[in-house]
PDB file of N, CA and C in Angstrom:
ATOM      1  N   GLU A   1     102.515  93.968  61.291  1.00  0.00           N
ATOM      2  CA  GLU A   1     101.689  94.123  61.142  1.00  0.00           C
ATOM      3  C   GLU A   1     101.261  95.890  61.154  1.00  0.00           C
ATOM      4  N   ASP A   2     101.823  96.312  62.111  1.00  0.00           N
ATOM      5  CA  ASP A   2     101.923  98.253  62.450  1.00  0.00           C
ATOM      6  C   ASP A   2     102.804  98.850  61.209  1.00  0.00           C
ATOM      7  N   LEU A   3     103.667  97.861  60.407  1.00  0.00           N
ATOM      8  CA  LEU A   3     104.333  98.744  59.941  1.00  0.00           C
ATOM      9  C   LEU A   3     103.790  98.630  58.275  1.00  0.00           C
ATOM     10  N   GLN A   4     103.036  97.367  57.954  1.00  0.00           N
ATOM     11  CA  GLN A   4     102.152  97.385  56.713  1.00  0.00           C
ATOM     12  C   GLN A   4     100.782  98.484  56.967  1.00  0.00           C
ATOM     13  N   LEU A   5     100.706  99.029  58.084  1.00  0.00           N
ATOM     14  CA  LEU A   5      99.953  99.977  58.036  1.00  0.00           C
ATOM     15  C   LEU A   5     100.551 101.724  57.898  1.00  0.00           C
ATOM     16  N   VAL A   6     101.854 101.497  58.383  1.00  0.00           N
ATOM     17  CA  VAL A   6     102.620 102.570  58.428  1.00  0.00           C
ATOM     18  C   VAL A   6     102.572 103.173  56.657  1.00  0.00           C
ATOM     19  N   GLN A   7     102.944 102.153  56.322  1.00  0.00           N
ATOM     20  CA  GLN A   7     103.551 102.484  54.588  1.00  0.00           C
ATOM     21  C   GLN A   7     102.306 103.202  54.176  1.00  0.00           C
ATOM     22  N   PRO A   8     101.297 102.808  53.993  1.00  0.00           N
ATOM     23  CA  PRO A   8     100.056 103.479  53.119  1.00  0.00           C
ATOM     24  C   PRO A   8      99.736 104.970  53.497  1.00  0.00           C
ATOM     25  N   LEU A   9     100.186 104.934  54.609  1.00  0.00           N
ATOM     26  CA  LEU A   9      99.808 106.233  55.444  1.00  0.00           C
ATOM     27  C   LEU A   9     101.408 106.893  54.732  1.00  0.00           C
ATOM     28  N   GLU A  10     101.987 106.547  54.680  1.00  0.00           N
ATOM     29  CA  GLU A  10     103.293 107.376  54.140  1.00  0.00           C
ATOM     30  C   GLU A  10     103.257 107.761  52.695  1.00  0.00           C
ATOM     31  N   ARG A  11     102.567 106.797  52.149  1.00  0.00           N
ATOM     32  CA  ARG A  11     102.476 107.200  50.892  1.00  0.00           C
ATOM     33  C   ARG A  11     101.520 108.223  50.362  1.00  0.00           C
ATOM     34  N   LYS A  12     100.150 108.193  51.548  1.00  0.00           N
ATOM     35  CA  LYS A  12      99.260 109.214  51.167  1.00  0.00           C
ATOM     36  C   LYS A  12     100.102 110.620  52.092  1.00  0.00           C
ATOM     37  N   LEU A  13     100.892 110.630  52.470  1.00  0.00           N
ATOM     38  CA  LEU A  13     101.381 112.022  53.397  1.00  0.00           C
ATOM     39  C   LEU A  13     102.279 112.530  52.320  1.00  0.00           C
ATOM     40  N   GLU A  14     102.805 111.553  51.297  1.00  0.00           N
ATOM     41  CA  GLU A  14     103.885 112.208  49.993  1.00  0.00           C
ATOM     42  C   GLU A  14     102.957 112.844  49.381  1.00  0.00           C
ATOM     43  N   GLN A  15     101.449 112.696  49.182  1.00  0.00           N
ATOM     44  CA  GLN A  15     100.728 113.674  48.291  1.00  0.00           C
ATOM     45  C   GLN A  15     100.382 115.021  48.462  1.00  0.00           C
ATOM     46  N   ILE A  16     100.570 114.960  49.895  1.00  0.00           N
ATOM     47  CA  ILE A  16     100.148 116.480  50.585  1.00  0.00           C
ATOM     48  C   ILE A  16     101.210 117.495  49.713  1.00  0.00           C
ATOM     49  N   LEU A  17     100.635 118.631  49.279  1.00  0.00           N
ATOM     50  CA  LEU A  17     101.311 119.648  48.450  1.00  0.00           C
ATOM     51  C   LEU A  17     101.272 121.165  49.330  1.00  0.00           C
ATOM     52  N   CYS A  18     100.123 121.055  50.002  1.00  0.00           N
ATOM     53  CA  CYS A  18     100.149 122.630  50.446  1.00  0.00           C
ATOM     54  C   CYS A  18      99.366 122.619  51.436  1.00  0.00           C
ATOM     55  N   HIS A  19      99.642 123.768  52.690  1.00  0.00           N
ATOM     56  CA  HIS A  19      98.724 124.058  53.424  1.00  0.00           C
ATOM     57  C   HIS A  19      97.343 124.278  53.354  1.00  0.00           C
ATOM     58  N   GLU A  20      97.284 124.544  52.524  1.00  0.00           N
ATOM     59  CA  GLU A  20      95.481 125.351  51.659  1.00  0.00           C
ATOM     60  C   GLU A  20      94.829 124.061  51.034  1.00  0.00           C
ATOM     61  N   CYS A  21      95.247 123.147  51.114  1.00  0.00           N
ATOM     62  CA  CYS A  21      94.866 121.722  50.527  1.00  0.00           C
ATOM     63  C   CYS A  21      93.066 121.233  51.344  1.00  0.00           C
ATOM     64  N   PRO A  22      92.161 121.629  50.581  1.00  0.00           N
ATOM     65  CA  PRO A  22      90.786 121.455  51.071  1.00  0.00           C
ATOM     66  C   PRO A  22      90.735 119.962  52.019  1.00  0.00           C
ATOM     67  N   LYS A  23      91.617 119.266  51.929  1.00  0.00           N
ATOM     68  CA  LYS A  23      91.705 118.025  53.106  1.00  0.00           C
ATOM     69  C   LYS A  23      92.738 118.398  54.044  1.00  0.00           C
ATOM     70  N   LEU A  24      92.874 119.078  54.095  1.00  0.00           N
ATOM     71  CA  LEU A  24      93.960 119.102  55.499  1.00  0.00           C
ATOM     72  C   LEU A  24      94.154 118.504  56.326  1.00  0.00           C
ATOM     73  N   GLU A  25      92.505 118.699  57.414  1.00  0.00           N
ATOM     74  CA  GLU A  25      92.239 118.100  58.172  1.00  0.00           C
ATOM     75  C   GLU A  25      92.358 116.276  58.302  1.00  0.00           C
ATOM     76  N   GLU A  26      91.931 115.875  56.843  1.00  0.00           N
ATOM     77  CA  GLU A  26      92.183 114.157  56.537  1.00  0.00           C
ATOM     78  C   GLU A  26      93.430 114.004  56.703  1.00  0.00           C
ATOM     79  N   HIS A  27      94.560 114.967  56.206  1.00  0.00           N
ATOM     80  CA  HIS A  27      95.802 114.410  56.113  1.00  0.00           C
ATOM     81  C   HIS A  27      96.570 114.953  57.570  1.00  0.00           C
ATOM     82  N   PHE A  28      96.086 116.040  57.911  1.00  0.00           N
ATOM     83  CA  PHE A  28      96.439 115.802  59.234  1.00  0.00           C
ATOM     84  C   PHE A  28      96.238 114.600  60.516  1.00  0.00           C
ATOM     85  N   GLU A  29      94.815 114.305  60.134  1.00  0.00           N
ATOM     86  CA  GLU A  29      94.639 112.588  60.851  1.00  0.00           C
ATOM     87  C   GLU A  29      95.352 111.704  60.679  1.00  0.00           C
ATOM     88  N   LEU A  30      95.962 111.906  58.922  1.00  0.00           N
ATOM     89  CA  LEU A  30      96.609 110.407  58.680  1.00  0.00           C
ATOM     90  C   LEU A  30      98.372 110.641  59.035  1.00  0.00           C
ATOM     91  N   ALA A  31      98.462 111.632  59.276  1.00  0.00           N
ATOM     92  CA  ALA A  31     100.012 112.091  59.767  1.00  0.00           C
ATOM     93  C   ALA A  31      99.942 111.794  61.550  1.00  0.00           C
ATOM     94  N   GLN A  32      98.847 112.501  62.193  1.00  0.00           N
ATOM     95  CA  GLN A  32      98.609 111.827  63.566  1.00  0.00           C
ATOM     96  C   GLN A  32      98.933 110.251  63.752  1.00  0.00           C
ATOM     97  N   ARG A  33      98.011 109.709  63.128  1.00  0.00           N
ATOM     98  CA  ARG A  33      97.814 108.154  63.064  1.00  0.00           C
ATOM     99  C   ARG A  33      98.849 107.350  62.744  1.00  0.00           C
ATOM    100  N   LYS A  34     100.160 108.068  61.695  1.00  0.00           N
ATOM    101  CA  LYS A  34     101.292 107.401  61.162  1.00  0.00           C
ATOM    102  C   LYS A  34     102.179 107.978  62.242  1.00  0.00           C
ATOM    103  N   TYR A  35     102.416 109.008  63.456  1.00  0.00           N
ATOM    104  CA  TYR A  35     102.805 109.178  64.224  1.00  0.00           C
ATOM    105  C   TYR A  35     102.973 108.329  65.624  1.00  0.00           C
ATOM    106  N   ASN A  36     101.355 107.930  65.892  1.00  0.00           N
ATOM    107  CA  ASN A  36     101.030 107.339  66.687  1.00  0.00           C
ATOM    108  C   ASN A  36     101.684 105.819  66.872  1.00  0.00           C
ATOM    109  N   LEU A  37     101.310 105.348  65.159  1.00  0.00           N
ATOM    110  CA  LEU A  37     101.474 103.931  65.030  1.00  0.00           C
ATOM    111  C   LEU A  37     103.395 103.489  64.982  1.00  0.00           C
ATOM    112  N   GLU A  38     104.060 104.821  64.694  1.00  0.00           N
ATOM    113  CA  GLU A  38     105.056 104.824  65.053  1.00  0.00           C
ATOM    114  C   GLU A  38     105.761 104.809  66.713  1.00  0.00           C
ATOM    115  N   MET A  39     104.852 105.576  67.350  1.00  0.00           N
ATOM    116  CA  MET A  39     105.525 105.182  68.391  1.00  0.00           C
ATOM    117  C   MET A  39     105.213 103.968  69.276  1.00  0.00           C
ATOM    118  N   ARG A  40     103.843 103.392  68.659  1.00  0.00           N
ATOM    119  CA  ARG A  40     103.782 102.182  69.357  1.00  0.00           C
ATOM    120  C   ARG A  40     104.467 101.114  69.097  1.00  0.00           C
ATOM    121  N   LEU A  41     104.921 101.388  67.673  1.00  0.00           N
ATOM    122  CA  LEU A  41     105.943 100.313  67.235  1.00  0.00           C
ATOM    123  C   LEU A  41     107.651 100.518  67.758  1.00  0.00           C
ATOM    124  N   GLU A  42     107.915 101.590  68.507  1.00  0.00           N
ATOM    125  CA  GLU A  42     109.125 101.913  69.559  1.00  0.00           C
ATOM    126  C   GLU A  42     108.988 101.499  70.554  1.00  0.00           C
ATOM    127  N   GLN A  43     107.814 101.765  71.538  1.00  0.00           N
ATOM    128  CA  GLN A  43     106.975 100.982  72.503  1.00  0.00           C
ATOM    129  C   GLN A  43     107.416  99.357  72.068  1.00  0.00           C
ATOM    130  N   VAL A  44     106.717  98.323  71.652  1.00  0.00           N
ATOM    131  CA  VAL A  44     107.033  97.304  71.231  1.00  0.00           C
ATOM    132  C   VAL A  44     108.181  96.802  71.245  1.00  0.00           C
ATOM    133  N   LYS A  45     109.224  97.233  70.383  1.00  0.00           N
ATOM    134  CA  LYS A  45     110.612  96.923  70.073  1.00  0.00           C
ATOM    135  C   LYS A  45     111.327  97.111  71.593  1.00  0.00           C
ATOM    136  N   THR A  46     110.893  98.168  72.120  1.00  0.00           N
ATOM    137  CA  THR A  46     111.813  98.370  73.448  1.00  0.00           C
ATOM    138  C   THR A  46     111.248  97.368  74.490  1.00  0.00           C
ATOM    139  N   ALA A  47     110.031  97.297  74.635  1.00  0.00           N
ATOM    140  CA  ALA A  47     109.372  96.230  75.487  1.00  0.00           C
ATOM    141  C   ALA A  47     110.139  94.435  74.883  1.00  0.00           C
ATOM    142  N   MET A  48     110.298  93.924  73.487  1.00  0.00           N
ATOM    143  CA  MET A  48     110.541  92.956  73.140  1.00  0.00           C
ATOM    144  C   MET A  48     112.187  92.876  72.784  1.00  0.00           C
ATOM    145  N   SER A  49     113.002  94.325  73.453  1.00  0.00           N
ATOM    146  CA  SER A  49     114.489  94.103  73.350  1.00  0.00           C
ATOM    147  C   SER A  49     115.066  93.087  74.648  1.00  0.00           C
ATOM    148  N   SER A  50     116.157  92.362  74.494  1.00  0.00           N
ATOM    149  CA  SER A  50     117.092  91.576  75.145  1.00  0.00           C
ATOM    150  C   SER A  50     117.137  91.956  76.402  1.00  0.00           C
ATOM    151  N   ASP A  51     117.874  93.217  76.600  1.00  0.00           N
ATOM    152  CA  ASP A  51     117.643  93.518  78.018  1.00  0.00           C
ATOM    153  C   ASP A  51     116.410  93.737  78.886  1.00  0.00           C
ATOM    154  N   ASN A  52     115.379  94.180  78.406  1.00  0.00           N
ATOM    155  CA  ASN A  52     114.435  94.480  78.755  1.00  0.00           C
ATOM    156  C   ASN A  52     113.586  92.890  78.885  1.00  0.00           C
ATOM    157  N   LEU A  53     113.946  91.857  77.957  1.00  0.00           N
ATOM    158  CA  LEU A  53     113.536  90.509  78.837  1.00  0.00           C
ATOM    159  C   LEU A  53     114.391  89.976  79.730  1.00  0.00           C
ATOM    160  N   MET A  54     115.495  90.556  79.598  1.00  0.00           N
ATOM    161  CA  MET A  54     116.586  89.567  80.577  1.00  0.00           C
ATOM    162  C   MET A  54     115.893  90.436  82.185  1.00  0.00           C
ATOM    163  N   LEU A  55     115.595  91.574  82.269  1.00  0.00           N
ATOM    164  CA  LEU A  55     115.329  92.248  83.261  1.00  0.00           C
ATOM    165  C   LEU A  55     114.095  91.698  83.998  1.00  0.00           C
ATOM    166  N   MET A  56     113.332  91.220  83.006  1.00  0.00           N
ATOM    167  CA  MET A  56     111.830  90.601  83.407  1.00  0.00           C
ATOM    168  C   MET A  56     112.014  89.186  84.067  1.00  0.00           C
ATOM    169  N   ALA A  57     113.122  88.275  83.224  1.00  0.00           N
ATOM    170  CA  ALA A  57     112.944  87.597  84.054  1.00  0.00           C
ATOM    171  C   ALA A  57     113.564  87.354  85.091  1.00  0.00           C
ATOM    172  N   SER A  58     114.599  88.408  85.357  1.00  0.00           N
ATOM    173  CA  SER A  58     115.170  88.608  87.058  1.00  0.00           C
ATOM    174  C   SER A  58     113.620  89.182  87.872  1.00  0.00           C
ATOM    175  N   PHE A  59     112.761  89.642  87.429  1.00  0.00           N
ATOM    176  CA  PHE A  59     112.070  90.928  88.348  1.00  0.00           C
ATOM    177  C   PHE A  59     111.186  89.431  88.551  1.00  0.00           C
ATOM    178  N   ASN A  60     110.778  88.475  87.623  1.00  0.00           N
ATOM    179  CA  ASN A  60     109.674  87.577  88.081  1.00  0.00           C
ATOM    180  C   ASN A  60     110.432  86.503  89.049  1.00  0.00           C
ATOM    181  N   GLU A  61     111.670  86.299  88.737  1.00  0.00           N
ATOM    182  CA  GLU A  61     112.720  85.487  90.207  1.00  0.00           C
ATOM    183  C   GLU A  61     112.341  86.184  91.556  1.00  0.00           C
ATOM    184  N   ARG A  62     112.904  87.327  91.422  1.00  0.00           N
ATOM    185  CA  ARG A  62     112.527  88.585  92.976  1.00  0.00           C
ATOM    186  C   ARG A  62     111.049  88.359  93.338  1.00  0.00           C
ATOM    187  N   LEU A  63     110.385  88.456  92.451  1.00  0.00           N
ATOM    188  CA  LEU A  63     108.594  88.288  92.568  1.00  0.00           C
ATOM    189  C   LEU A  63     108.404  87.568  93.396  1.00  0.00           C
ATOM    190  N   SER A  64     109.074  85.867  92.661  1.00  0.00           N
ATOM    191  CA  SER A  64     108.726  84.693  93.378  1.00  0.00           C
ATOM    192  C   SER A  64     108.660  84.401  94.774  1.00  0.00           C
ATOM    193  N   VAL A  65     110.170  85.002  94.964  1.00  0.00           N
ATOM    194  CA  VAL A  65     110.787  85.241  96.131  1.00  0.00           C
ATOM    195  C   VAL A  65     109.777  85.959  97.301  1.00  0.00           C
ATOM    196  N   LEU A  66     109.693  86.784  96.995  1.00  0.00           N
ATOM    197  CA  LEU A  66     108.745  88.398  97.770  1.00  0.00           C
ATOM    198  C   LEU A  66     107.475  87.058  97.965  1.00  0.00           C
ATOM    199  N   LYS A  67     106.734  86.615  97.050  1.00  0.00           N
ATOM    200  CA  LYS A  67     105.451  85.948  97.354  1.00  0.00           C
ATOM    201  C   LYS A  67     105.645  84.536  97.999  1.00  0.00           C
ATOM    202  N   LEU A  68     106.905  83.922  97.855  1.00  0.00           N
ATOM    203  CA  LEU A  68     107.261  82.374  99.114  1.00  0.00           C
ATOM    204  C   LEU A  68     107.084  83.136 100.538  1.00  0.00           C
ATOM    205  N   LEU A  69     107.836  84.329 100.589  1.00  0.00           N
ATOM    206  CA  LEU A  69     108.173  84.765 101.963  1.00  0.00           C
ATOM    207  C   LEU A  69     107.056  85.565 102.502  1.00  0.00           C
ATOM    208  N   ALA A  70     105.749  86.002 101.802  1.00  0.00           N
ATOM    209  CA  ALA A  70     104.436  86.622 101.985  1.00  0.00           C
ATOM    210  C   ALA A  70     105.252  87.863 102.051  1.00  0.00           C
ATOM    211  N   TYR A  71     105.939  88.748 101.288  1.00  0.00           N
ATOM    212  CA  TYR A  71     106.009  89.711 101.564  1.00  0.00           C
ATOM    213  C   TYR A  71     104.604  90.671 100.226  1.00  0.00           C
ATOM    214  N   VAL A  72     104.700  89.839  99.472  1.00  0.00           N
ATOM    215  CA  VAL A  72     103.379  90.309  98.427  1.00  0.00           C
ATOM    216  C   VAL A  72     102.816  89.128  98.278  1.00  0.00           C
ATOM    217  N   ASP A  73     101.119  89.446  97.775  1.00  0.00           N
ATOM    218  CA  ASP A  73     100.227  87.974  97.689  1.00  0.00           C
ATOM    219  C   ASP A  73     100.456  88.007  96.146  1.00  0.00           C
ATOM    220  N   GLU A  74      99.385  87.267  95.888  1.00  0.00           N
ATOM    221  CA  GLU A  74      99.100  86.550  94.364  1.00  0.00           C
ATOM    222  C   GLU A  74      98.750  87.813  93.253  1.00  0.00           C
ATOM    223  N   ASN A  75      98.245  88.683  94.047  1.00  0.00           N
ATOM    224  CA  ASN A  75      98.124  89.786  92.770  1.00  0.00           C
ATOM    225  C   ASN A  75      98.873  90.976  93.224  1.00  0.00           C
ATOM    226  N   ARG A  76     100.306  90.728  93.686  1.00  0.00           N
ATOM    227  CA  ARG A  76     101.504  91.631  93.773  1.00  0.00           C
ATOM    228  C   ARG A  76     101.090  92.960  94.438  1.00  0.00           C
ATOM    229  N   THR A  77     100.256  92.797  95.945  1.00  0.00           N
ATOM    230  CA  THR A  77      99.596  93.709  96.855  1.00  0.00           C
ATOM    231  C   THR A  77     100.665  93.574  97.735  1.00  0.00           C
ATOM    232  N   VAL A  78     101.296  94.818  97.989  1.00  0.00           N
ATOM    233  CA  VAL A  78     102.565  94.230  99.159  1.00  0.00           C
ATOM    234  C   VAL A  78     101.689  94.324 100.557  1.00  0.00           C
ATOM    235  N   MET A  79     102.086  92.948 101.292  1.00  0.00           N
ATOM    236  CA  MET A  79     102.076  92.804 102.300  1.00  0.00           C
ATOM    237  C   MET A  79     102.626  93.650 103.945  1.00  0.00           C
ATOM    238  N   LEU A  80     101.691  93.026 105.228  1.00  0.00           N
ATOM    239  CA  LEU A  80     102.443  93.593 106.328  1.00  0.00           C
ATOM    240  C   LEU A  80     104.109  93.777 106.330  1.00  0.00           C
ATOM    241  N   LYS A  81     104.271  92.513 106.163  1.00  0.00           N
ATOM    242  CA  LYS A  81     105.878  92.382 106.117  1.00  0.00           C
ATOM    243  C   LYS A  81     106.981  93.152 104.769  1.00  0.00           C
ATOM    244  N   GLY A  82     105.994  93.179 104.269  1.00  0.00           N
ATOM    245  CA  GLY A  82     106.545  94.343 103.138  1.00  0.00           C
ATOM    246  C   GLY A  82     106.737  95.228 102.942  1.00  0.00           C
ATOM    247  N   ARG A  83     105.731  95.627 103.566  1.00  0.00           N
ATOM    248  CA  ARG A  83     105.816  97.294 103.955  1.00  0.00           C
ATOM    249  C   ARG A  83     106.881  97.257 105.146  1.00  0.00           C
ATOM    250  N   VAL A  84     106.960  96.484 106.019  1.00  0.00           N
ATOM    251  CA  VAL A  84     107.986  96.572 107.448  1.00  0.00           C
ATOM    252  C   VAL A  84     109.221  96.953 106.612  1.00  0.00           C
ATOM    253  N   ALA A  85     109.425  95.686 105.591  1.00  0.00           N
ATOM    254  CA  ALA A  85     111.023  95.820 104.941  1.00  0.00           C
ATOM    255  C   ALA A  85     111.048  96.632 104.248  1.00  0.00           C
ATOM    256  N   CYS A  86     109.779  97.647 103.573  1.00  0.00           N
ATOM    257  CA  CYS A  86     110.665  99.250 103.278  1.00  0.00           C
ATOM    258  C   CYS A  86     111.080 100.072 104.033  1.00  0.00           C
ATOM    259  N   GLU A  87     110.461 100.173 104.775  1.00  0.00           N
ATOM    260  CA  GLU A  87     110.589 101.167 106.245  1.00  0.00           C
ATOM    261  C   GLU A  87     112.412 100.836 106.767  1.00  0.00           C
ATOM    262  N   ILE A  88     112.493  99.690 106.634  1.00  0.00           N
ATOM    263  CA  ILE A  88     114.231  99.323 107.331  1.00  0.00           C
ATOM    264  C   ILE A  88     115.178  99.827 106.360  1.00  0.00           C
ATOM    265  N   ASN A  89     115.947 100.756 106.795  1.00  0.00           N
ATOM    266  CA  ASN A  89     117.154 101.299 106.001  1.00  0.00           C
ATOM    267  C   ASN A  89     118.587 101.409 106.752  1.00  0.00           C
ATOM    268  N   THR A  90     118.352 100.326 107.587  1.00  0.00           N
ATOM    269  CA  THR A  90     120.039 100.067 108.443  1.00  0.00           C
ATOM    270  C   THR A  90     120.677  99.123 107.884  1.00  0.00           C
ATOM    271  N   CYS A  91     119.977  97.905 107.584  1.00  0.00           N
ATOM    272  CA  CYS A  91     120.954  96.903 107.207  1.00  0.00           C
ATOM    273  C   CYS A  91     120.143  96.048 106.026  1.00  0.00           C
ATOM    274  N   ASP A  92     120.216  94.683 105.576  1.00  0.00           N
ATOM    275  CA  ASP A  92     119.345  93.939 105.261  1.00  0.00           C
ATOM    276  C   ASP A  92     118.034  93.832 105.028  1.00  0.00           C
ATOM    277  N   SER A  93     117.194  94.365 104.485  1.00  0.00           N
ATOM    278  CA  SER A  93     115.844  94.631 105.090  1.00  0.00           C
ATOM    279  C   SER A  93     115.194  93.412 105.144  1.00  0.00           C
ATOM    280  N   LEU A  94     115.026  92.735 104.047  1.00  0.00           N
ATOM    281  CA  LEU A  94     114.561  91.142 104.506  1.00  0.00           C
ATOM    282  C   LEU A  94     114.723  90.174 105.740  1.00  0.00           C
ATOM    283  N   ILE A  95     116.411  90.382 105.608  1.00  0.00           N
ATOM    284  CA  ILE A  95     116.726  89.232 107.096  1.00  0.00           C
ATOM    285  C   ILE A  95     115.978  90.038 108.125  1.00  0.00           C
ATOM    286  N   LEU A  96     116.042  91.201 108.669  1.00  0.00           N
ATOM    287  CA  LEU A  96     115.706  91.926 109.428  1.00  0.00           C
ATOM    288  C   LEU A  96     114.293  91.724 109.789  1.00  0.00           C
ATOM    289  N   THR A  97     113.834  91.498 108.315  1.00  0.00           N
ATOM    290  CA  THR A  97     111.961  91.674 108.436  1.00  0.00           C
ATOM    291  C   THR A  97     111.703  90.265 108.864  1.00  0.00           C
ATOM    292  N   GLU A  98     112.540  89.674 108.559  1.00  0.00           N
ATOM    293  CA  GLU A  98     112.407  87.713 108.875  1.00  0.00           C
ATOM    294  C   GLU A  98     112.395  87.864 110.739  1.00  0.00           C
ATOM    295  N   LEU A  99     113.519  88.558 110.744  1.00  0.00           N
ATOM    296  CA  LEU A  99     113.694  88.083 112.624  1.00  0.00           C
ATOM    297  C   LEU A  99     112.612  88.922 113.080  1.00  0.00           C
ATOM    298  N   ILE A 100     112.155  89.736 113.212  1.00  0.00           N
ATOM    299  CA  ILE A 100     111.341  90.481 113.274  1.00  0.00           C
ATOM    300  C   ILE A 100     109.894  89.370 113.745  1.00  0.00           C
ATOM    301  N   PHE A 101     109.649  88.668 112.279  1.00  0.00           N
ATOM    302  CA  PHE A 101     108.318  88.429 112.372  1.00  0.00           C
ATOM    303  C   PHE A 101     108.688  86.991 112.810  1.00  0.00           C
ATOM    304  N   GLU A 102     109.982  86.583 113.230  1.00  0.00           N
ATOM    305  CA  GLU A 102     110.026  85.146 113.718  1.00  0.00           C
ATOM    306  C   GLU A 102     110.208  85.187 115.287  1.00  0.00           C
ATOM    307  N   ASN A 103     110.299  86.348 115.986  1.00  0.00           N
ATOM    308  CA  ASN A 103     110.624  86.970 116.827  1.00  0.00           C
ATOM    309  C   ASN A 103     111.604  86.227 117.293  1.00  0.00           C
ATOM    310  N   ARG A 104     112.683  86.309 117.081  1.00  0.00           N
ATOM    311  CA  ARG A 104     114.244  85.758 117.261  1.00  0.00           C
ATOM    312  C   ARG A 104     115.163  87.091 117.533  1.00  0.00           C
TER     313      ARG A 104
END
């Protein structure tokens, strides 16, 4: 869809002959729109890349474990246990946090 929008803009840009054109502002706006669409297309490509999709699956699995253990809530807000785990730097933070909250 975005590619279909870019091609007509490219054709219009090819018609620009000089900077003294009376439609310079309009041409500049077309060039800016083309640039923005190209950037958006790159962002979509990056978001849809296989590496990113694999990372997203891993992230969602880890997030579900953190929700199950009450480190984050359903809105992905860090809870007290999550804050404690973030402050622990000496060993496996999740295990130590569980021990603290279970009083063992």
